[in-house]
């Protein structure tokens, strides 16, 4: 199988991808600019959310970069407007982004609940969660058991009543394939799922190594029809064009990860 849409795009809300010159030069992504829509950052009411996202239209397909993890809730719009009639959604994230928020709002920590409510989404597989503290604090739910959590062995996490299964690398790959029953999928990647040796974000980071992620992506591409991909988890900066040394280092590290992710997804296409 493989990618249905092969275009590369950047939904530019914070400038964090626009300073990744090697990525821009090599893949020449289409740039979707949402000027003034920083109100989407972290959380916003659904009215503002839909007004902002509608500026993108219905043509944002393929592989899209969405900036820092504070904008991960853009995935809801991308899944909702994807033309696939039914989907399984595979999310790589260190956090459980299904924590309830205020009524009428959506956030970077709640958007999976909105995705789970879509009729066309039949299953959600979240890979890599190790930061579970919010589950107890906010009384999260697994959205009618649509959401399944898997993680690599490594970091210890608090015990909760919510099931999370841990697997060694080969077991993890096999479990993903065993669990994911739908041939048409959408992939959402927050690079905070990666070990700090492979990426630098503004959130707590997980244990998944980049090489493991690339192997999983290769498996998914081989066995499933991928209708879309989004990638977030850049390192945020108040002034992306004027970065301090540590910010430049983080941007360089993330760009290298982004390039490898794109190459894994687009190889042979």
C-alpha atoms as a PDB file:
ATOM      1  CA  UNK A   1       0.000   0.000   0.000  1.00  0.00           C
ATOM      2  CA  UNK A   2       1.474   3.437   0.846  1.00  0.00           C
ATOM      3  CA  UNK A   3       0.596   7.133   0.746  1.00  0.00           C
ATOM      4  CA  UNK A   4      -2.614   8.246  -0.956  1.00  0.00           C
ATOM      5  CA  UNK A   5      -1.477  11.893  -1.108  1.00  0.00           C
ATOM      6  CA  UNK A   6       2.225  12.706  -1.387  1.00  0.00           C
ATOM      7  CA  UNK A   7       2.308  16.506  -1.097  1.00  0.00           C
ATOM      8  CA  UNK A   8       4.288  18.090   1.738  1.00  0.00           C
ATOM      9  CA  UNK A   9       2.922  21.173   3.490  1.00  0.00           C
ATOM     10  CA  UNK A  10       3.578  23.504   6.408  1.00  0.00           C
ATOM     11  CA  UNK A  11       0.719  25.034   8.372  1.00  0.00           C
ATOM     12  CA  UNK A  12       2.671  28.026   9.621  1.00  0.00           C
ATOM     13  CA  UNK A  13       1.416  29.414  12.906  1.00  0.00           C
ATOM     14  CA  UNK A  14       4.619  29.956  14.853  1.00  0.00           C
ATOM     15  CA  UNK A  15       7.526  30.077  12.379  1.00  0.00           C
ATOM     16  CA  UNK A  16       9.177  26.993  13.883  1.00  0.00           C
ATOM     17  CA  UNK A  17       9.319  25.067  10.597  1.00  0.00           C
ATOM     18  CA  UNK A  18      10.058  28.094   8.425  1.00  0.00           C
ATOM     19  CA  UNK A  19      13.582  28.298   9.894  1.00  0.00           C
ATOM     20  CA  UNK A  20      14.366  24.716   8.828  1.00  0.00           C
ATOM     21  CA  UNK A  21      16.106  25.698   5.623  1.00  0.00           C
ATOM     22  CA  UNK A  22      17.277  22.234   4.553  1.00  0.00           C
ATOM     23  CA  UNK A  23      13.762  20.839   4.807  1.00  0.00           C
ATOM     24  CA  UNK A  24      12.296  23.754   2.847  1.00  0.00           C
ATOM     25  CA  UNK A  25      14.957  23.473   0.149  1.00  0.00           C
ATOM     26  CA  UNK A  26      14.768  19.707  -0.287  1.00  0.00           C
ATOM     27  CA  UNK A  27      10.997  19.149  -0.150  1.00  0.00           C
ATOM     28  CA  UNK A  28       9.644  22.574  -1.200  1.00  0.00           C
ATOM     29  CA  UNK A  29       6.486  22.264   0.898  1.00  0.00           C
ATOM     30  CA  UNK A  30       3.327  24.209   0.228  1.00  0.00           C
ATOM     31  CA  UNK A  31       2.999  26.910   2.895  1.00  0.00           C
ATOM     32  CA  UNK A  32      -0.387  27.485   4.514  1.00  0.00           C
ATOM     33  CA  UNK A  33      -0.258  30.712   6.503  1.00  0.00           C
ATOM     34  CA  UNK A  34      -2.755  31.559   9.200  1.00  0.00           C
ATOM     35  CA  UNK A  35      -1.727  35.105  10.163  1.00  0.00           C
ATOM     36  CA  UNK A  36      -2.993  36.286  13.504  1.00  0.00           C
ATOM     37  CA  UNK A  37      -4.280  32.885  14.542  1.00  0.00           C
ATOM     38  CA  UNK A  38      -1.984  32.430  17.520  1.00  0.00           C
ATOM     39  CA  UNK A  39      -5.230  32.238  19.505  1.00  0.00           C
ATOM     40  CA  UNK A  40      -5.232  28.567  18.506  1.00  0.00           C
ATOM     41  CA  UNK A  41      -2.168  27.966  20.676  1.00  0.00           C
ATOM     42  CA  UNK A  42      -2.740  25.380  23.423  1.00  0.00           C
ATOM     43  CA  UNK A  43      -6.509  25.812  23.509  1.00  0.00           C
ATOM     44  CA  UNK A  44      -9.374  27.795  22.063  1.00  0.00           C
ATOM     45  CA  UNK A  45     -13.147  27.694  21.816  1.00  0.00           C
ATOM     46  CA  UNK A  46     -14.525  25.592  18.982  1.00  0.00           C
ATOM     47  CA  UNK A  47     -16.026  28.620  17.244  1.00  0.00           C
ATOM     48  CA  UNK A  48     -12.612  30.298  16.902  1.00  0.00           C
ATOM     49  CA  UNK A  49     -11.082  26.946  16.001  1.00  0.00           C
ATOM     50  CA  UNK A  50     -13.429  26.327  13.090  1.00  0.00           C
ATOM     51  CA  UNK A  51     -13.201  29.923  11.819  1.00  0.00           C
ATOM     52  CA  UNK A  52      -9.405  29.689  11.765  1.00  0.00           C
ATOM     53  CA  UNK A  53      -9.198  26.216  10.251  1.00  0.00           C
ATOM     54  CA  UNK A  54     -11.713  26.999   7.527  1.00  0.00           C
ATOM     55  CA  UNK A  55      -9.142  29.419   6.097  1.00  0.00           C
ATOM     56  CA  UNK A  56      -7.157  26.321   5.135  1.00  0.00           C
ATOM     57  CA  UNK A  57      -9.998  25.009   2.978  1.00  0.00           C
ATOM     58  CA  UNK A  58     -10.359  21.317   2.224  1.00  0.00           C
ATOM     59  CA  UNK A  59      -7.165  20.883   0.225  1.00  0.00           C
ATOM     60  CA  UNK A  60      -4.666  20.355   3.053  1.00  0.00           C
ATOM     61  CA  UNK A  61      -3.738  16.764   2.227  1.00  0.00           C
ATOM     62  CA  UNK A  62      -0.569  14.680   2.305  1.00  0.00           C
ATOM     63  CA  UNK A  63       2.117  15.245   4.947  1.00  0.00           C
ATOM     64  CA  UNK A  64       1.782  18.455   6.944  1.00  0.00           C
ATOM     65  CA  UNK A  65       3.935  20.098   9.607  1.00  0.00           C
ATOM     66  CA  UNK A  66       1.957  21.962  12.274  1.00  0.00           C
ATOM     67  CA  UNK A  67       4.669  23.602  14.394  1.00  0.00           C
ATOM     68  CA  UNK A  68       5.035  23.066  18.128  1.00  0.00           C
ATOM     69  CA  UNK A  69       2.978  20.592  20.135  1.00  0.00           C
ATOM     70  CA  UNK A  70       0.820  23.504  21.298  1.00  0.00           C
ATOM     71  CA  UNK A  71      -0.947  23.201  17.924  1.00  0.00           C
ATOM     72  CA  UNK A  72      -1.484  19.433  17.913  1.00  0.00           C
ATOM     73  CA  UNK A  73      -5.245  19.945  17.964  1.00  0.00           C
ATOM     74  CA  UNK A  74      -5.031  20.939  14.281  1.00  0.00           C
ATOM     75  CA  UNK A  75      -5.087  17.186  13.706  1.00  0.00           C
ATOM     76  CA  UNK A  76      -8.813  17.136  14.446  1.00  0.00           C
ATOM     77  CA  UNK A  77      -9.480  19.429  11.492  1.00  0.00           C
ATOM     78  CA  UNK A  78      -7.165  17.447   9.218  1.00  0.00           C
ATOM     79  CA  UNK A  79      -8.817  14.132  10.097  1.00  0.00           C
ATOM     80  CA  UNK A  80     -12.345  15.542   9.925  1.00  0.00           C
ATOM     81  CA  UNK A  81     -11.755  16.955   6.442  1.00  0.00           C
ATOM     82  CA  UNK A  82      -9.809  13.995   5.097  1.00  0.00           C
ATOM     83  CA  UNK A  83     -11.718  12.362   2.202  1.00  0.00           C
ATOM     84  CA  UNK A  84     -11.255   8.799   3.501  1.00  0.00           C
ATOM     85  CA  UNK A  85     -14.702   7.312   4.303  1.00  0.00           C
ATOM     86  CA  UNK A  86     -13.379   5.374   7.316  1.00  0.00           C
ATOM     87  CA  UNK A  87     -10.106   5.579   9.192  1.00  0.00           C
ATOM     88  CA  UNK A  88      -7.949   4.177  11.913  1.00  0.00           C
ATOM     89  CA  UNK A  89      -5.851   6.929  13.502  1.00  0.00           C
ATOM     90  CA  UNK A  90      -2.331   6.135  14.691  1.00  0.00           C
ATOM     91  CA  UNK A  91      -0.900   8.729  17.081  1.00  0.00           C
ATOM     92  CA  UNK A  92       2.702   8.873  18.280  1.00  0.00           C
ATOM     93  CA  UNK A  93       2.734  11.018  21.423  1.00  0.00           C
ATOM     94  CA  UNK A  94       4.218  11.031  24.906  1.00  0.00           C
ATOM     95  CA  UNK A  95       0.974  12.431  26.341  1.00  0.00           C
ATOM     96  CA  UNK A  96      -2.618  11.175  26.428  1.00  0.00           C
ATOM     97  CA  UNK A  97      -4.264  13.861  24.323  1.00  0.00           C
ATOM     98  CA  UNK A  98      -7.751  12.811  25.390  1.00  0.00           C
ATOM     99  CA  UNK A  99      -8.026  14.808  28.623  1.00  0.00           C
ATOM    100  CA  UNK A 100     -11.428  16.539  28.862  1.00  0.00           C
ATOM    101  CA  UNK A 101     -11.399  20.322  28.691  1.00  0.00           C
ATOM    102  CA  UNK A 102     -14.121  22.940  29.175  1.00  0.00           C
ATOM    103  CA  UNK A 103     -17.355  22.460  27.252  1.00  0.00           C
ATOM    104  CA  UNK A 104     -17.186  24.119  23.844  1.00  0.00           C
ATOM    105  CA  UNK A 105     -13.372  24.185  23.807  1.00  0.00           C
ATOM    106  CA  UNK A 106     -10.610  22.128  22.201  1.00  0.00           C
ATOM    107  CA  UNK A 107      -6.984  21.920  23.292  1.00  0.00           C
ATOM    108  CA  UNK A 108      -3.701  20.272  22.415  1.00  0.00           C
ATOM    109  CA  UNK A 109      -4.452  17.887  25.289  1.00  0.00           C
ATOM    110  CA  UNK A 110      -8.087  17.061  24.458  1.00  0.00           C
ATOM    111  CA  UNK A 111      -8.333  16.856  20.652  1.00  0.00           C
ATOM    112  CA  UNK A 112      -8.388  13.039  20.523  1.00  0.00           C
ATOM    113  CA  UNK A 113     -11.813  13.105  22.167  1.00  0.00           C
ATOM    114  CA  UNK A 114     -13.062  15.158  19.194  1.00  0.00           C
ATOM    115  CA  UNK A 115     -11.425  12.744  16.764  1.00  0.00           C
ATOM    116  CA  UNK A 116     -12.940   9.759  18.574  1.00  0.00           C
ATOM    117  CA  UNK A 117     -16.405  11.321  18.176  1.00  0.00           C
ATOM    118  CA  UNK A 118     -16.136  11.259  14.369  1.00  0.00           C
ATOM    119  CA  UNK A 119     -18.218   8.437  12.900  1.00  0.00           C
ATOM    120  CA  UNK A 120     -15.630   7.644  10.248  1.00  0.00           C
ATOM    121  CA  UNK A 121     -12.908   7.055  12.853  1.00  0.00           C
ATOM    122  CA  UNK A 122     -13.207   3.425  13.907  1.00  0.00           C
ATOM    123  CA  UNK A 123     -10.064   2.994  16.001  1.00  0.00           C
ATOM    124  CA  UNK A 124      -7.337   5.134  17.578  1.00  0.00           C
ATOM    125  CA  UNK A 125      -3.976   3.660  18.485  1.00  0.00           C
ATOM    126  CA  UNK A 126      -1.757   5.866  20.650  1.00  0.00           C
ATOM    127  CA  UNK A 127       1.871   4.753  20.682  1.00  0.00           C
ATOM    128  CA  UNK A 128       4.500   5.977  23.114  1.00  0.00           C
ATOM    129  CA  UNK A 129       2.581   7.509  26.032  1.00  0.00           C
ATOM    130  CA  UNK A 130       4.631   7.603  29.216  1.00  0.00           C
ATOM    131  CA  UNK A 131       3.337  10.848  30.755  1.00  0.00           C
ATOM    132  CA  UNK A 132       0.082   9.760  32.390  1.00  0.00           C
ATOM    133  CA  UNK A 133      -0.257  12.169  35.301  1.00  0.00           C
ATOM    134  CA  UNK A 134      -3.184  13.970  33.687  1.00  0.00           C
ATOM    135  CA  UNK A 135      -5.280  10.830  33.576  1.00  0.00           C
ATOM    136  CA  UNK A 136      -5.822  10.897  37.329  1.00  0.00           C
ATOM    137  CA  UNK A 137      -6.089  14.670  37.572  1.00  0.00           C
ATOM    138  CA  UNK A 138      -8.727  15.128  34.884  1.00  0.00           C
ATOM    139  CA  UNK A 139     -10.597  11.819  34.928  1.00  0.00           C
ATOM    140  CA  UNK A 140      -9.872  11.068  31.282  1.00  0.00           C
ATOM    141  CA  UNK A 141     -11.743   8.347  29.470  1.00  0.00           C
ATOM    142  CA  UNK A 142     -10.916   6.086  26.554  1.00  0.00           C
ATOM    143  CA  UNK A 143     -13.729   7.466  24.390  1.00  0.00           C
ATOM    144  CA  UNK A 144     -15.889   4.392  24.257  1.00  0.00           C
ATOM    145  CA  UNK A 145     -12.864   2.111  24.038  1.00  0.00           C
ATOM    146  CA  UNK A 146     -11.915   3.467  20.611  1.00  0.00           C
ATOM    147  CA  UNK A 147      -8.542   4.494  22.063  1.00  0.00           C
ATOM    148  CA  UNK A 148      -5.839   1.896  22.692  1.00  0.00           C
ATOM    149  CA  UNK A 149      -2.512   2.761  24.375  1.00  0.00           C
ATOM    150  CA  UNK A 150       0.782   1.073  23.554  1.00  0.00           C
ATOM    151  CA  UNK A 151       4.297   2.074  24.636  1.00  0.00           C
ATOM    152  CA  UNK A 152       7.906   0.922  24.364  1.00  0.00           C
ATOM    153  CA  UNK A 153       9.508  -0.565  27.431  1.00  0.00           C
ATOM    154  CA  UNK A 154      11.630   1.899  29.375  1.00  0.00           C
ATOM    155  CA  UNK A 155      10.371   4.753  31.499  1.00  0.00           C
ATOM    156  CA  UNK A 156       8.222   3.807  34.487  1.00  0.00           C
ATOM    157  CA  UNK A 157       4.835   5.497  34.629  1.00  0.00           C
ATOM    158  CA  UNK A 158       2.283   5.944  37.404  1.00  0.00           C
ATOM    159  CA  UNK A 159      -0.251   3.179  37.837  1.00  0.00           C
ATOM    160  CA  UNK A 160      -3.706   4.204  36.648  1.00  0.00           C
ATOM    161  CA  UNK A 161      -6.950   2.430  35.957  1.00  0.00           C
ATOM    162  CA  UNK A 162      -6.402   3.109  32.251  1.00  0.00           C
ATOM    163  CA  UNK A 163      -4.758   0.201  30.430  1.00  0.00           C
ATOM    164  CA  UNK A 164      -1.378   0.776  28.848  1.00  0.00           C
ATOM    165  CA  UNK A 165       0.642  -2.120  27.511  1.00  0.00           C
ATOM    166  CA  UNK A 166       4.443  -2.094  27.309  1.00  0.00           C
ATOM    167  CA  UNK A 167       6.439  -4.018  24.732  1.00  0.00           C
ATOM    168  CA  UNK A 168      10.032  -4.501  23.672  1.00  0.00           C
ATOM    169  CA  UNK A 169      10.822  -3.186  20.187  1.00  0.00           C
ATOM    170  CA  UNK A 170       9.961  -6.243  18.078  1.00  0.00           C
ATOM    171  CA  UNK A 171       6.919  -6.994  20.231  1.00  0.00           C
ATOM    172  CA  UNK A 172       5.731  -3.385  19.878  1.00  0.00           C
ATOM    173  CA  UNK A 173       5.847  -3.546  16.082  1.00  0.00           C
ATOM    174  CA  UNK A 174       3.959  -6.852  16.068  1.00  0.00           C
ATOM    175  CA  UNK A 175       1.381  -5.552  18.552  1.00  0.00           C
ATOM    176  CA  UNK A 176       0.667  -2.472  16.434  1.00  0.00           C
ATOM    177  CA  UNK A 177       0.008  -4.652  13.408  1.00  0.00           C
ATOM    178  CA  UNK A 178      -2.076  -7.081  15.442  1.00  0.00           C
ATOM    179  CA  UNK A 179      -4.154  -4.327  17.029  1.00  0.00           C
ATOM    180  CA  UNK A 180      -4.735  -2.106  13.999  1.00  0.00           C
ATOM    181  CA  UNK A 181      -7.602  -3.761  12.133  1.00  0.00           C
ATOM    182  CA  UNK A 182      -8.353  -1.049   9.574  1.00  0.00           C
ATOM    183  CA  UNK A 183      -6.453  -0.870   6.276  1.00  0.00           C
ATOM    184  CA  UNK A 184      -7.014   2.896   5.816  1.00  0.00           C
ATOM    185  CA  UNK A 185      -5.160   5.012   8.364  1.00  0.00           C
ATOM    186  CA  UNK A 186      -4.141   8.545   9.296  1.00  0.00           C
ATOM    187  CA  UNK A 187      -0.872   9.133  11.191  1.00  0.00           C
ATOM    188  CA  UNK A 188      -0.221  11.960  13.670  1.00  0.00           C
ATOM    189  CA  UNK A 189       3.280  12.400  15.112  1.00  0.00           C
ATOM    190  CA  UNK A 190       4.208  14.614  18.051  1.00  0.00           C
ATOM    191  CA  UNK A 191       7.987  14.482  18.354  1.00  0.00           C
ATOM    192  CA  UNK A 192       7.709  14.678  22.145  1.00  0.00           C
ATOM    193  CA  UNK A 193       7.238  10.903  21.834  1.00  0.00           C
ATOM    194  CA  UNK A 194      10.945  10.720  21.036  1.00  0.00           C
ATOM    195  CA  UNK A 195      13.836  10.354  23.454  1.00  0.00           C
ATOM    196  CA  UNK A 196      15.651  13.677  24.099  1.00  0.00           C
ATOM    197  CA  UNK A 197      18.662  12.314  22.195  1.00  0.00           C
ATOM    198  CA  UNK A 198      16.553  12.405  19.019  1.00  0.00           C
ATOM    199  CA  UNK A 199      14.415  15.528  19.384  1.00  0.00           C
ATOM    200  CA  UNK A 200      13.980  18.623  21.556  1.00  0.00           C
ATOM    201  CA  UNK A 201      10.509  19.905  22.363  1.00  0.00           C
ATOM    202  CA  UNK A 202       8.914  22.165  24.954  1.00  0.00           C
ATOM    203  CA  UNK A 203       7.146  19.268  26.712  1.00  0.00           C
ATOM    204  CA  UNK A 204       8.095  16.167  28.708  1.00  0.00           C
ATOM    205  CA  UNK A 205       9.608  13.652  26.325  1.00  0.00           C
ATOM    206  CA  UNK A 206       9.191   9.926  25.906  1.00  0.00           C
ATOM    207  CA  UNK A 207      11.355   6.878  25.337  1.00  0.00           C
ATOM    208  CA  UNK A 208      10.758   5.998  21.681  1.00  0.00           C
ATOM    209  CA  UNK A 209      13.939   6.279  19.646  1.00  0.00           C
ATOM    210  CA  UNK A 210      13.847   7.825  16.182  1.00  0.00           C
ATOM    211  CA  UNK A 211      15.085   4.620  14.576  1.00  0.00           C
ATOM    212  CA  UNK A 212      12.144   2.770  16.184  1.00  0.00           C
ATOM    213  CA  UNK A 213       9.675   5.347  14.883  1.00  0.00           C
ATOM    214  CA  UNK A 214      11.126   5.077  11.379  1.00  0.00           C
ATOM    215  CA  UNK A 215      10.782   1.281  11.479  1.00  0.00           C
ATOM    216  CA  UNK A 216       7.147   1.539  12.533  1.00  0.00           C
ATOM    217  CA  UNK A 217       6.439   4.079   9.774  1.00  0.00           C
ATOM    218  CA  UNK A 218       8.024   1.747   7.200  1.00  0.00           C
ATOM    219  CA  UNK A 219       5.829  -1.113   8.445  1.00  0.00           C
ATOM    220  CA  UNK A 220       2.684   1.027   8.342  1.00  0.00           C
ATOM    221  CA  UNK A 221       3.499   2.248   4.853  1.00  0.00           C
ATOM    222  CA  UNK A 222       4.016  -1.304   3.657  1.00  0.00           C
ATOM    223  CA  UNK A 223       0.850  -2.764   5.147  1.00  0.00           C
ATOM    224  CA  UNK A 224      -1.676   0.090   5.261  1.00  0.00           C
ATOM    225  CA  UNK A 225      -3.132   2.786   3.020  1.00  0.00           C
ATOM    226  CA  UNK A 226      -2.029   6.110   4.558  1.00  0.00           C
ATOM    227  CA  UNK A 227      -4.494   8.926   3.872  1.00  0.00           C
ATOM    228  CA  UNK A 228      -2.578  11.651   5.647  1.00  0.00           C
ATOM    229  CA  UNK A 229       0.188  12.485   8.108  1.00  0.00           C
ATOM    230  CA  UNK A 230       0.780  15.448  10.378  1.00  0.00           C
ATOM    231  CA  UNK A 231       3.917  16.204  12.371  1.00  0.00           C
ATOM    232  CA  UNK A 232       4.313  18.593  15.299  1.00  0.00           C
ATOM    233  CA  UNK A 233       6.682  18.888  18.240  1.00  0.00           C
ATOM    234  CA  UNK A 234       9.024  21.610  17.036  1.00  0.00           C
ATOM    235  CA  UNK A 235      10.937  23.731  19.530  1.00  0.00           C
ATOM    236  CA  UNK A 236       9.065  26.982  20.070  1.00  0.00           C
ATOM    237  CA  UNK A 237      10.749  30.379  20.066  1.00  0.00           C
ATOM    238  CA  UNK A 238       9.335  33.849  20.590  1.00  0.00           C
ATOM    239  CA  UNK A 239      11.373  35.081  17.618  1.00  0.00           C
ATOM    240  CA  UNK A 240      12.109  32.059  15.369  1.00  0.00           C
ATOM    241  CA  UNK A 241      14.226  34.153  12.993  1.00  0.00           C
ATOM    242  CA  UNK A 242      16.506  35.342  15.837  1.00  0.00           C
ATOM    243  CA  UNK A 243      17.414  32.202  17.737  1.00  0.00           C
ATOM    244  CA  UNK A 244      19.782  31.791  20.636  1.00  0.00           C
ATOM    245  CA  UNK A 245      22.421  29.059  20.490  1.00  0.00           C
ATOM    246  CA  UNK A 246      20.319  26.458  22.325  1.00  0.00           C
ATOM    247  CA  UNK A 247      17.324  27.217  20.109  1.00  0.00           C
ATOM    248  CA  UNK A 248      19.419  26.781  16.975  1.00  0.00           C
ATOM    249  CA  UNK A 249      20.672  23.462  18.318  1.00  0.00           C
ATOM    250  CA  UNK A 250      17.127  22.284  19.008  1.00  0.00           C
ATOM    251  CA  UNK A 251      15.924  23.406  15.575  1.00  0.00           C
ATOM    252  CA  UNK A 252      18.806  21.594  13.881  1.00  0.00           C
ATOM    253  CA  UNK A 253      18.089  18.384  15.813  1.00  0.00           C
ATOM    254  CA  UNK A 254      14.388  18.515  15.012  1.00  0.00           C
ATOM    255  CA  UNK A 255      15.042  19.275  11.356  1.00  0.00           C
ATOM    256  CA  UNK A 256      17.228  16.177  11.085  1.00  0.00           C
ATOM    257  CA  UNK A 257      14.425  14.098  12.592  1.00  0.00           C
ATOM    258  CA  UNK A 258      11.867  15.684  10.265  1.00  0.00           C
ATOM    259  CA  UNK A 259      14.008  14.955   7.223  1.00  0.00           C
ATOM    260  CA  UNK A 260      14.362  11.310   8.194  1.00  0.00           C
ATOM    261  CA  UNK A 261      10.622  11.007   8.813  1.00  0.00           C
ATOM    262  CA  UNK A 262       9.859  12.499   5.402  1.00  0.00           C
ATOM    263  CA  UNK A 263      12.381  10.239   3.695  1.00  0.00           C
ATOM    264  CA  UNK A 264      10.888   7.176   5.386  1.00  0.00           C
ATOM    265  CA  UNK A 265       7.380   8.148   4.294  1.00  0.00           C
ATOM    266  CA  UNK A 266       8.234   9.206   0.742  1.00  0.00           C
ATOM    267  CA  UNK A 267      10.875   6.624  -0.164  1.00  0.00           C
ATOM    268  CA  UNK A 268       9.783   4.763  -3.265  1.00  0.00           C
ATOM    269  CA  UNK A 269       6.721   6.962  -3.825  1.00  0.00           C
END
